Amino acid sequence: MRQVVLDTETTGLEVRQGHRLVEIACVELVERRLTGRHYQTYLNPDRAIDEGARLVTGIEDEFLLDKPHFAEVVDEFLTFIDGAELVIHNAGFDISFLDAELARLGDDAGRIGDRC
């Protein structure tokens, strides 16, 4: 069985208030063993990080200015997770942010649940 352990960092806690992803990190497991494959990227959210999120993550707005936008990395990210069982602490939170980013790309992008 292929699993991907996934975590995100965001600009704040409320996707409905326009908060965005600033980091996606994943490691791959096969038969519950690390394979050595991983995916990690920082993202430019095109907005400021809330103070509370900055305190938790240590990520500063200036650091993200030259990072790619989600649209620039989506294909590589989706290829990495395709077909895997996702293992996510607080999955509803992370999936809501990932699905919001996919929704910004249009209907053809689908949702995370369509792939995993």
Protein backbone atom coordinates (compact mmCIF):
# COMPACT_ATOMS: atom_id res chain seq x y z
CA MET A 1 0.00 0.00 0.00
CA ARG A 2 1.28 3.45 -0.94
CA GLN A 3 0.70 6.24 1.57
CA VAL A 4 1.71 9.89 1.55
CA VAL A 5 2.08 11.72 4.84
CA LEU A 6 1.16 15.34 4.12
CA ASP A 7 1.33 18.60 6.03
CA THR A 8 0.66 22.20 5.09
CA GLU A 9 1.37 25.62 6.52
CA THR A 10 -0.97 28.53 5.85
CA THR A 11 -1.29 32.29 6.23
CA GLY A 12 -4.01 31.82 8.84
CA LEU A 13 -6.75 29.53 10.07
CA GLU A 14 -9.76 30.37 7.89
CA VAL A 15 -9.84 29.36 4.24
CA ARG A 16 -13.19 31.18 3.95
CA GLN A 17 -11.43 34.43 4.87
CA GLY A 18 -9.02 34.06 1.98
CA HIS A 19 -6.14 32.50 3.85
CA ARG A 20 -3.75 30.60 1.60
CA LEU A 21 -1.13 27.87 1.61
CA VAL A 22 2.49 28.85 2.19
CA GLU A 23 4.04 25.38 2.36
CA ILE A 24 3.25 21.81 1.33
CA ALA A 25 5.41 18.93 2.55
CA CYS A 26 4.99 15.20 1.92
CA VAL A 27 6.86 11.95 2.44
CA GLU A 28 6.04 8.67 0.73
CA LEU A 29 5.56 5.33 2.48
CA VAL A 30 5.15 1.95 0.83
CA GLU A 31 4.08 -0.88 3.10
CA ARG A 32 4.51 1.63 5.98
CA ARG A 33 8.20 2.17 5.21
CA LEU A 34 9.79 5.41 4.06
CA THR A 35 10.82 5.19 0.43
CA GLY A 36 13.08 8.23 0.41
CA ARG A 37 10.75 10.06 -1.98
CA HIS A 38 9.44 13.38 -0.76
CA TYR A 39 7.83 16.56 -2.02
CA GLN A 40 8.23 19.98 -0.43
CA THR A 41 7.64 23.50 -1.63
CA TYR A 42 7.06 26.94 -0.22
CA LEU A 43 4.39 29.04 -1.94
CA ASN A 44 3.83 32.72 -2.54
CA PRO A 45 0.32 33.31 -1.13
CA ASP A 46 -0.06 36.84 -2.56
CA ARG A 47 -1.13 38.03 0.88
CA ALA A 48 0.35 38.66 4.31
CA ILE A 49 0.72 35.95 6.92
CA ASP A 50 -1.28 36.53 10.09
CA GLU A 51 0.84 37.16 13.17
CA GLY A 52 -0.39 33.96 14.85
CA ALA A 53 0.56 31.85 11.84
CA ARG A 54 3.94 33.56 11.63
CA LEU A 55 4.62 32.72 15.28
CA VAL A 56 3.72 29.05 14.71
CA THR A 57 5.59 28.55 11.43
CA GLY A 58 8.44 31.02 11.66
CA ILE A 59 7.80 31.85 7.99
CA GLU A 60 8.08 35.53 7.09
CA ASP A 61 6.28 37.34 4.27
CA GLU A 62 9.56 38.47 2.70
CA PHE A 63 10.81 34.88 2.47
CA LEU A 64 7.84 33.92 0.28
CA LEU A 65 8.06 36.76 -2.24
CA ASP A 66 10.20 34.82 -4.74
CA LYS A 67 8.49 31.46 -4.20
CA PRO A 68 6.22 29.90 -6.85
CA HIS A 69 2.45 30.22 -6.84
CA PHE A 70 0.34 27.09 -6.37
CA ALA A 71 -0.58 27.12 -10.08
CA GLU A 72 3.11 26.76 -10.94
CA VAL A 73 3.63 23.60 -8.85
CA VAL A 74 0.20 21.95 -8.94
CA ASP A 75 1.07 19.38 -11.61
CA GLU A 76 4.18 18.17 -9.78
CA PHE A 77 2.30 18.06 -6.46
CA LEU A 78 -0.68 16.16 -7.83
CA THR A 79 1.59 13.68 -9.60
CA PHE A 80 3.30 13.00 -6.27
CA ILE A 81 0.08 12.28 -4.37
CA ASP A 82 -1.96 10.61 -7.14
CA GLY A 83 -3.40 7.28 -6.07
CA ALA A 84 -1.96 7.35 -2.56
CA GLU A 85 -3.76 7.05 0.73
CA LEU A 86 -3.14 10.37 2.47
CA VAL A 87 -2.14 10.46 6.12
CA ILE A 88 -2.81 13.93 7.53
CA HIS A 89 -3.09 15.25 11.08
CA ASN A 90 -6.15 17.54 11.08
CA ALA A 91 -6.99 16.41 7.55
CA GLY A 92 -10.11 18.55 7.20
CA PHE A 93 -8.03 21.69 7.63
CA ASP A 94 -5.31 20.75 5.13
CA ILE A 95 -7.74 19.35 2.55
CA SER A 96 -9.92 22.47 2.72
CA PHE A 97 -6.91 24.64 1.86
CA LEU A 98 -5.71 22.32 -0.91
CA ASP A 99 -9.21 22.13 -2.39
CA ALA A 100 -9.53 25.93 -2.25
CA GLU A 101 -6.27 26.27 -4.20
CA LEU A 102 -7.51 23.75 -6.76
CA ALA A 103 -10.83 25.60 -7.05
CA ARG A 104 -8.94 28.79 -7.93
CA LEU A 105 -7.56 26.95 -10.95
CA GLY A 106 -11.02 26.10 -12.31
CA ASP A 107 -13.34 23.11 -12.50
CA ASP A 108 -10.88 20.91 -14.40
CA ALA A 109 -8.48 20.82 -11.43
CA GLY A 110 -10.91 18.72 -9.36
CA ARG A 111 -10.48 18.06 -5.67
CA ILE A 112 -7.97 16.14 -3.58
CA GLY A 113 -10.54 13.41 -2.91
CA ASP A 114 -10.76 12.75 -6.66
CA ARG A 115 -7.12 11.63 -6.64
CA CYS A 116 -6.50 9.97 -3.29
